[in-house]
Protein backbone atom coordinates (compact mmCIF):
# COMPACT_ATOMS: atom_id res chain seq x y z
CA MET A 1 10.33 -114.83 -62.58
CA ARG A 2 7.55 -114.46 -59.71
CA ASN A 3 4.09 -114.98 -60.88
CA GLN A 4 2.43 -111.43 -61.52
CA SER A 5 -0.81 -112.09 -61.46
CA LEU A 6 -0.34 -113.94 -58.06
CA GLY A 7 1.63 -110.93 -56.89
CA TRP A 8 -2.00 -109.25 -57.84
CA TRP A 9 -3.86 -111.33 -55.89
CA VAL A 10 -1.80 -111.35 -53.02
CA LEU A 11 -1.88 -107.68 -52.58
CA LEU A 12 -5.55 -107.85 -52.79
CA GLY A 13 -5.52 -109.86 -50.10
CA VAL A 14 -3.24 -107.79 -47.81
CA ALA A 15 -5.24 -104.58 -48.72
CA ALA A 16 -8.38 -106.38 -47.46
CA SER A 17 -6.43 -107.58 -44.25
CA ALA A 18 -5.82 -103.91 -43.91
CA CYS A 19 -9.51 -102.45 -44.58
CA GLY A 20 -10.88 -105.35 -41.87
CA GLY A 21 -11.19 -108.24 -44.36
CA VAL A 22 -12.54 -111.57 -43.34
CA PRO A 23 -10.15 -114.43 -42.52
CA GLU A 24 -9.80 -117.42 -44.26
CA THR A 25 -11.97 -119.19 -41.60
CA GLU A 26 -14.96 -117.02 -41.52
CA ALA A 27 -17.52 -116.36 -44.62
CA GLY A 28 -17.10 -114.62 -47.53
CA ASN A 29 -20.22 -112.35 -47.81
CA VAL A 30 -19.71 -108.76 -46.14
CA GLN A 31 -22.16 -105.86 -46.03
CA GLU A 32 -24.65 -105.11 -48.69
CA GLY A 33 -23.80 -108.80 -50.58
CA VAL A 34 -20.05 -107.65 -51.87
CA GLU A 35 -18.35 -110.46 -52.03
CA LEU A 36 -14.68 -110.79 -50.30
CA ALA A 37 -12.38 -113.01 -51.93
CA ARG A 38 -10.66 -115.20 -49.39
CA TYR A 39 -7.17 -114.74 -49.15
CA THR A 40 -3.88 -117.37 -48.22
CA THR A 41 -0.29 -117.52 -47.63
CA LEU A 42 1.01 -119.30 -50.37
CA SER A 43 4.72 -120.93 -49.99
CA ASP A 44 7.77 -120.04 -51.85
CA GLU A 45 7.34 -123.35 -54.08
CA GLU A 46 3.66 -122.40 -54.79
CA GLN A 47 4.81 -118.78 -55.77
CA THR A 48 7.65 -119.48 -58.35
CA PRO A 49 7.30 -121.72 -61.23
CA THR A 50 10.08 -124.56 -62.00
CA GLU A 51 11.85 -125.16 -65.00
CA GLU A 52 9.59 -128.01 -66.16
CA THR A 53 6.21 -125.54 -65.95
CA PRO A 54 6.75 -122.86 -68.66
CA THR A 55 3.43 -121.41 -68.23
CA GLU A 56 2.47 -119.07 -65.28
CA GLU A 57 0.43 -120.64 -62.86
CA THR A 58 -2.96 -118.98 -62.02
CA PRO A 59 -3.58 -119.06 -58.18
CA THR A 60 -6.76 -120.16 -56.58
CA THR A 61 -8.65 -119.62 -53.35
CA ASP A 62 -9.47 -122.57 -50.88
CA GLU A 63 -12.70 -123.06 -52.74
CA GLY A 64 -10.82 -123.44 -56.19
CA GLU A 65 -12.12 -120.47 -57.36
CA GLU A 66 -9.71 -118.22 -59.55
CA PRO A 67 -9.10 -114.63 -59.26
CA PRO A 68 -10.43 -111.87 -61.10
CA ALA A 69 -8.81 -111.76 -64.66
CA ASP A 70 -5.77 -108.94 -65.10
CA ASP A 71 -7.33 -106.95 -68.01
CA GLY A 72 -5.04 -104.70 -67.51
CA GLU A 73 -7.31 -101.85 -66.12
CA ALA A 74 -6.02 -100.27 -62.36
CA PRO A 75 -7.63 -101.54 -59.67
CA TRP A 76 -9.50 -99.31 -57.13
CA TRP A 77 -7.13 -98.17 -55.43
CA GLY A 78 -5.36 -96.99 -58.76
CA ASP A 79 -7.86 -94.44 -59.83
CA GLY A 80 -10.46 -93.09 -57.57
CA PRO A 81 -12.26 -93.57 -54.43
CA PRO A 82 -12.82 -97.28 -53.14
CA PRO A 83 -16.58 -98.18 -53.77
CA TRP A 84 -17.64 -98.29 -50.40
CA TRP A 85 -16.02 -94.52 -49.74
CA GLY A 86 -18.60 -92.52 -48.00
CA GLY A 87 -17.29 -88.90 -49.24
CA GLY A 88 -17.73 -86.73 -52.33
CA ASP A 89 -16.95 -87.74 -55.99
CA ASP A 90 -13.09 -86.22 -55.23
CA GLY A 91 -12.75 -88.51 -52.50
CA GLU A 92 -12.14 -86.17 -49.83
CA ASN A 93 -12.09 -87.19 -45.94
CA PRO A 94 -16.42 -87.97 -45.39
CA ASN A 95 -16.00 -86.45 -42.11
CA PRO A 96 -19.18 -84.30 -41.11
CA GLY A 97 -18.26 -80.61 -41.82
CA ASP A 98 -16.18 -81.80 -44.37
CA GLY A 99 -18.00 -81.17 -47.67
CA GLY A 100 -18.66 -85.07 -47.81
CA ASP A 101 -21.81 -85.96 -49.65
CA GLY A 102 -24.89 -85.22 -47.35
CA ASP A 103 -23.91 -82.44 -45.52
CA PRO A 104 -26.40 -79.17 -45.75
CA PRO A 105 -24.49 -76.06 -46.63
CA PRO A 106 -24.23 -73.80 -43.45
CA PRO A 107 -26.76 -71.03 -43.18
CA PRO A 108 -26.15 -67.77 -44.69
CA PRO A 109 -25.73 -65.12 -41.51
CA SER A 110 -28.32 -63.36 -40.64
CA PRO A 111 -29.33 -59.63 -42.62
CA CYS A 112 -30.44 -58.61 -39.48
CA VAL A 113 -29.43 -57.75 -35.49
CA GLN A 114 -32.00 -57.69 -32.82
CA VAL A 115 -31.07 -54.20 -30.26
CA ASP A 116 -32.75 -54.92 -27.25
CA LEU A 117 -30.93 -52.41 -24.74
CA ASP A 118 -34.08 -51.46 -22.58
CA GLU A 119 -33.55 -53.82 -19.66
CA TYR A 120 -30.28 -51.58 -17.33
CA ASN A 121 -30.31 -48.08 -16.98
CA LEU A 122 -26.83 -48.82 -16.31
CA PHE A 123 -24.93 -51.92 -17.01
CA VAL A 124 -20.78 -51.93 -17.41
CA LEU A 125 -18.23 -54.49 -17.60
CA GLY A 126 -16.51 -53.23 -14.58
CA ASN A 127 -16.32 -51.04 -12.07
CA TYR A 128 -19.01 -48.26 -11.06
CA THR A 129 -17.60 -46.09 -8.40
CA GLN A 130 -18.98 -42.44 -7.11
CA GLY A 131 -22.49 -43.74 -7.89
CA HIS A 132 -25.73 -41.31 -6.44
CA ASP A 133 -29.54 -41.50 -7.88
CA VAL A 134 -30.20 -44.45 -10.76
CA GLN A 135 -34.07 -44.95 -11.17
CA GLY A 136 -33.58 -48.34 -13.14
CA LYS A 137 -31.49 -51.41 -12.68
CA VAL A 138 -27.83 -51.24 -12.03
CA ALA A 139 -25.37 -54.21 -12.87
CA ALA A 140 -21.45 -53.57 -12.95
CA GLY A 141 -19.28 -57.35 -13.64
CA GLY A 142 -16.53 -55.46 -11.56
CA ASP A 143 -17.36 -53.20 -8.04
CA ILE A 144 -19.93 -50.78 -7.01
CA SER A 145 -19.36 -48.18 -4.63
CA MET A 146 -22.17 -45.77 -3.87
CA THR A 147 -23.17 -43.23 -1.16
CA TYR A 148 -26.45 -41.43 -0.22
CA PHE A 149 -28.07 -43.22 -3.11
CA ALA A 150 -30.86 -44.89 -4.59
CA VAL A 151 -31.70 -47.72 -7.38
CA GLY A 152 -34.68 -49.10 -8.78
CA GLY A 153 -37.19 -46.31 -7.26
CA SER A 154 -39.05 -45.80 -10.62
CA LEU A 155 -39.76 -49.57 -11.44
CA ALA A 156 -42.85 -51.23 -11.57
CA GLN A 157 -43.91 -53.11 -8.26
CA ASP A 158 -43.31 -56.41 -8.84
CA ASN A 159 -40.19 -55.65 -10.91
CA THR A 160 -37.51 -56.79 -9.01
CA SER A 161 -34.87 -59.60 -9.71
CA ASN A 162 -31.56 -58.28 -10.25
CA VAL A 163 -32.03 -54.46 -9.78
CA LEU A 164 -28.78 -54.08 -8.31
CA VAL A 165 -25.66 -56.48 -9.27
CA ALA A 166 -22.42 -56.39 -8.27
CA GLY A 167 -20.11 -59.07 -9.92
CA GLY A 168 -17.10 -57.70 -7.38
CA ASN A 169 -17.74 -56.08 -4.09
CA LEU A 170 -20.24 -53.82 -3.18
CA PHE A 171 -19.47 -50.58 -1.20
CA VAL A 172 -23.06 -49.23 -0.45
CA ASN A 173 -24.08 -46.31 2.41
CA GLY A 174 -26.97 -44.46 3.17
CA GLY A 175 -29.04 -45.84 0.85
CA SER A 176 -32.29 -47.70 -0.40
CA ILE A 177 -32.60 -50.35 -3.27
CA TYR A 178 -36.02 -51.19 -4.97
CA GLY A 179 -35.54 -54.97 -5.43
CA ASN A 180 -33.14 -57.96 -5.09
CA ALA A 181 -29.53 -56.95 -4.88
CA TYR A 182 -26.02 -59.24 -4.91
CA TYR A 183 -22.79 -59.14 -4.82
CA GLY A 184 -19.61 -61.48 -5.75
CA GLY A 185 -17.34 -60.78 -2.80
CA TYR A 186 -18.17 -58.75 0.35
CA THR A 187 -20.48 -55.53 0.74
CA THR A 188 -20.52 -52.89 3.42
CA ALA A 189 -24.27 -52.49 3.16
CA GLY A 190 -25.23 -51.83 7.30
CA GLN A 191 -28.65 -50.77 8.82
CA ASN A 192 -28.03 -47.60 7.14
CA VAL A 193 -28.76 -49.19 3.53
CA THR A 194 -32.48 -50.35 3.30
CA VAL A 195 -33.65 -53.15 0.74
CA HIS A 196 -37.38 -52.66 -0.34
CA ARG A 197 -39.47 -55.42 -1.99
CA GLY A 198 -36.39 -57.51 -1.86
CA THR A 199 -33.67 -59.23 -0.28
CA LEU A 200 -29.75 -58.78 -0.32
CA SER A 201 -27.57 -61.82 -1.31
CA GLN A 202 -24.20 -63.17 -2.23
CA GLY A 203 -24.08 -64.23 -5.87
CA THR A 204 -23.57 -63.96 -9.65
CA PRO A 205 -26.59 -63.95 -11.37
CA ILE A 206 -25.68 -62.32 -14.87
CA ASP A 207 -22.59 -63.55 -17.02
CA PHE A 208 -21.19 -60.38 -17.69
CA ALA A 209 -18.50 -61.29 -20.37
CA ALA A 210 -20.84 -63.27 -22.62
CA ARG A 211 -23.36 -60.46 -22.44
CA PHE A 212 -20.89 -57.90 -23.36
CA ALA A 213 -19.74 -59.93 -26.50
CA GLN A 214 -22.62 -59.94 -27.37
CA LEU A 215 -23.25 -55.61 -26.95
CA GLU A 216 -19.98 -55.70 -29.23
CA GLN A 217 -21.86 -57.41 -31.62
CA VAL A 218 -24.15 -55.66 -31.73
CA SER A 219 -22.59 -52.46 -31.79
CA ALA A 220 -20.37 -53.86 -34.79
CA ARG A 221 -23.44 -54.45 -37.06
CA LEU A 222 -25.20 -51.24 -36.72
CA ALA A 223 -22.20 -49.37 -37.82
CA SER A 224 -21.83 -51.90 -40.71
CA ALA A 225 -23.85 -50.21 -43.29
CA PRO A 226 -21.66 -47.93 -45.60
CA ASN A 227 -23.91 -45.19 -45.94
CA PRO A 228 -26.13 -43.43 -43.35
CA THR A 229 -29.82 -42.48 -44.38
CA GLY A 230 -30.05 -39.57 -42.37
CA THR A 231 -28.49 -35.96 -43.26
CA THR A 232 -26.16 -34.56 -40.91
CA ARG A 233 -25.14 -30.71 -40.99
CA ILE A 234 -22.40 -29.36 -38.97
CA GLU A 235 -22.76 -25.36 -38.37
CA PRO A 236 -19.93 -23.14 -38.18
CA TRP A 237 -20.93 -21.66 -35.04
CA GLY A 238 -21.22 -24.92 -33.70
CA GLY A 239 -24.60 -25.98 -34.57
CA LEU A 240 -25.33 -29.56 -34.83
CA PHE A 241 -28.27 -30.89 -36.70
CA LEU A 242 -29.25 -34.57 -37.76
CA GLU A 243 -32.74 -35.07 -39.75
CA GLY A 244 -33.55 -38.46 -40.76
CA HIS A 245 -37.73 -39.19 -43.11
CA ASN A 246 -37.51 -43.11 -42.54
CA ALA A 247 -39.93 -44.47 -40.20
CA GLY A 248 -38.40 -46.99 -39.68
CA VAL A 249 -34.51 -46.71 -38.90
CA ASN A 250 -32.68 -43.20 -38.87
CA THR A 251 -28.54 -43.74 -38.97
CA PHE A 252 -26.05 -41.37 -38.98
CA ASN A 253 -22.41 -41.18 -39.21
CA VAL A 254 -20.48 -38.47 -36.63
CA ASP A 255 -16.42 -38.31 -35.75
CA ALA A 256 -16.63 -38.44 -32.14
CA SER A 257 -14.50 -34.88 -32.36
CA VAL A 258 -17.39 -33.14 -33.54
CA PHE A 259 -19.39 -33.16 -30.00
CA GLY A 260 -16.64 -31.44 -28.23
CA ARG A 261 -17.27 -28.05 -30.04
CA THR A 262 -20.60 -28.59 -30.56
CA ASN A 263 -22.95 -25.58 -28.81
CA TYR A 264 -26.22 -27.03 -29.75
CA PHE A 265 -27.84 -30.29 -30.79
CA SER A 266 -30.75 -30.96 -32.95
CA ILE A 267 -32.41 -34.34 -34.13
CA ASN A 268 -35.50 -34.54 -35.91
CA ALA A 269 -36.99 -37.53 -36.76
CA PRO A 270 -40.64 -39.14 -37.36
CA ALA A 271 -42.43 -40.89 -33.95
CA ASN A 272 -41.95 -44.48 -33.25
CA SER A 273 -38.44 -44.35 -35.55
CA ARG A 274 -35.20 -45.08 -34.17
CA VAL A 275 -32.11 -43.29 -34.34
CA VAL A 276 -28.73 -44.75 -34.69
CA ILE A 277 -25.91 -42.20 -34.37
CA ASN A 278 -22.75 -44.24 -35.23
CA ILE A 279 -19.89 -42.48 -33.40
CA ARG A 280 -15.98 -42.96 -34.38
CA GLY A 281 -13.24 -41.85 -33.13
CA ALA A 282 -11.25 -42.81 -29.59
CA TYR A 283 -11.99 -39.79 -27.34
CA ALA A 284 -15.74 -38.04 -27.28
CA ARG A 285 -16.51 -35.00 -24.91
CA PHE A 286 -20.10 -33.51 -23.90
CA ALA A 287 -19.83 -30.74 -22.19
CA ASN A 288 -22.27 -27.42 -21.29
CA PHE A 289 -24.86 -27.75 -24.60
CA GLY A 290 -28.05 -28.15 -25.21
CA GLN A 291 -30.45 -30.49 -27.24
CA SER A 292 -33.82 -30.44 -28.78
CA PHE A 293 -35.95 -32.92 -30.75
CA SER A 294 -38.34 -32.45 -33.10
CA GLY A 295 -40.75 -34.38 -35.75
CA GLY A 296 -42.08 -36.86 -32.84
CA ILE A 297 -38.81 -38.47 -31.89
CA ASN A 298 -38.25 -39.10 -27.97
CA GLN A 299 -35.53 -40.55 -25.77
CA LYS A 300 -36.91 -43.56 -26.21
CA GLY A 301 -35.88 -43.77 -29.97
CA VAL A 302 -32.30 -42.56 -29.99
CA LEU A 303 -29.17 -44.56 -30.04
CA PHE A 304 -25.79 -43.33 -29.48
CA ASN A 305 -23.48 -46.08 -30.78
CA PHE A 306 -19.56 -45.59 -29.78
CA VAL A 307 -18.22 -47.54 -32.83
CA ASP A 308 -14.84 -47.75 -31.63
CA THR A 309 -14.36 -45.07 -28.72
CA THR A 310 -12.47 -45.99 -25.54
CA LYS A 311 -13.01 -42.59 -23.60
CA ILE A 312 -15.34 -40.73 -23.04
CA GLU A 313 -16.02 -37.41 -20.60
CA ALA A 314 -19.35 -35.66 -20.03
CA THR A 315 -19.91 -33.24 -17.65
CA SER A 316 -22.80 -30.39 -17.01
CA TYR A 317 -24.87 -32.25 -20.08
CA GLY A 318 -28.00 -34.67 -20.20
CA PHE A 319 -27.91 -37.40 -22.63
CA TRP A 320 -31.18 -38.28 -24.04
CA GLY A 321 -31.11 -41.11 -25.23
CA THR A 322 -29.40 -44.78 -24.74
CA ILE A 323 -25.54 -44.79 -25.10
CA LEU A 324 -23.98 -48.08 -26.18
CA ALA A 325 -20.23 -47.93 -25.79
CA PRO A 326 -18.73 -51.24 -25.22
CA HIS A 327 -15.07 -50.52 -25.42
CA ALA A 328 -15.49 -47.16 -23.70
CA ASP A 329 -14.61 -46.14 -20.27
CA MET A 330 -17.14 -42.72 -19.16
CA THR A 331 -16.90 -40.17 -16.70
CA PHE A 332 -19.80 -38.30 -16.02
CA ASN A 333 -20.45 -35.46 -13.25
CA ASN A 334 -23.11 -32.79 -12.94
CA GLY A 335 -25.71 -34.46 -15.30
CA SER A 336 -27.75 -37.03 -16.49
CA TRP A 337 -29.19 -39.93 -18.75
CA ASP A 338 -32.72 -40.37 -19.90
CA GLY A 339 -32.13 -44.01 -21.13
CA GLY A 340 -29.52 -46.90 -20.29
CA ILE A 341 -24.95 -46.69 -20.55
CA TYR A 342 -23.69 -49.80 -21.38
CA ALA A 343 -19.74 -48.96 -21.64
CA ARG A 344 -16.52 -50.99 -19.72
CA SER A 345 -16.80 -48.60 -16.36
CA LEU A 346 -18.88 -45.70 -15.34
CA THR A 347 -17.38 -42.86 -12.49
CA GLY A 348 -19.15 -39.71 -11.50
CA THR A 349 -22.31 -38.47 -9.91
CA ALA A 350 -24.81 -38.17 -12.70
CA GLU A 351 -28.27 -39.50 -12.15
CA GLY A 352 -30.12 -42.55 -14.40
CA HIS A 353 -33.55 -41.69 -15.17
CA VAL A 354 -35.65 -44.48 -16.48
CA ASN A 355 -36.76 -43.89 -20.48
CA PRO A 356 -35.84 -47.23 -21.74
CA LEU A 357 -34.56 -47.39 -26.02
CA GLU A 358 -37.59 -49.44 -27.17
CA ASP A 359 -36.54 -52.99 -28.84
CA PHE A 360 -35.64 -52.63 -32.26
CA GLN A 361 -34.84 -54.83 -35.56
CA TYR A 362 -31.80 -53.31 -37.64
CA CYS A 363 -31.36 -54.60 -40.95
CA THR A 364 -27.97 -54.53 -43.35
CA LEU A 365 -27.58 -56.23 -46.88
CA ILE A 366 -24.90 -58.84 -46.41
CA SER A 367 -21.75 -58.50 -48.61
CA GLY A 368 -22.43 -60.46 -51.82
CA ASP A 369 -26.04 -60.46 -51.93
């Protein structure tokens, strides 16, 4: 019968070798002063006692030291992690981020989102076609097509960066650009296009995909509050009345289909407050109805947030406020907007006026708070 104690000792040597053990010709001390027993390979004669030796032999190391006595307790690999393990008490892999001891918990998501939509008069991910006059900055990730036009004419004299940016091709004829302009592909700009206070160059200074990912996040966060803080009243004759009293942010939920049958639109909110109109529905239409403000609110405090709308049509209408529609293609003719348009694309002759949305922070409770 083989020596069971000897077999345990050989197994310890194999385990030590697998874990980077110290060879028998090297010192037996390892890091932090932990003694690692030497190990040797024993011949069959040494491993098997003879008939003349009725008692089991006790194996020894090269220095003659006896291995630890087999007291019946399970070795470290039989119960729990080894003593040098750097992970948690449960023996999980202690790689960074896997929950090992010492890893700080991830920070909780911020309950607030910063809304900064004041830089561009028009910003679209795709194409801008049939363009006319836009008093502020214009940027499109695709092609831009404008005829008998002006861009940036109402900007401050020193506000000349990225006044007109086409990520694709720039088709312009008979107009003026008041600041630096860029195109990613090619341009048809000739002698009948004048660039004031800047230059026309090939280049793409804007990461449109990254910016639109941010816009989608902002739109979703603005719509995340379960209950609006303002009141909405819809009259049978076509009146739409929004009323809010918060000095900070007033939120409203309106179905997109409501605007298609609206004849009069009114917003009542305090001066210097913000009005966020969360609009849901695949299609929205705005045509031939008037709008009024009361309570002190103005165009710089109103945001139309089209949460999931994919198509917007407007004609003979004036938007007083900024439009955030990151999923929508928009057609807009015979009208104007006072603020900004942030959409997937824009087609039409509507004019853009500089009344940018004033920056604000919107905060909601995180689920579970």
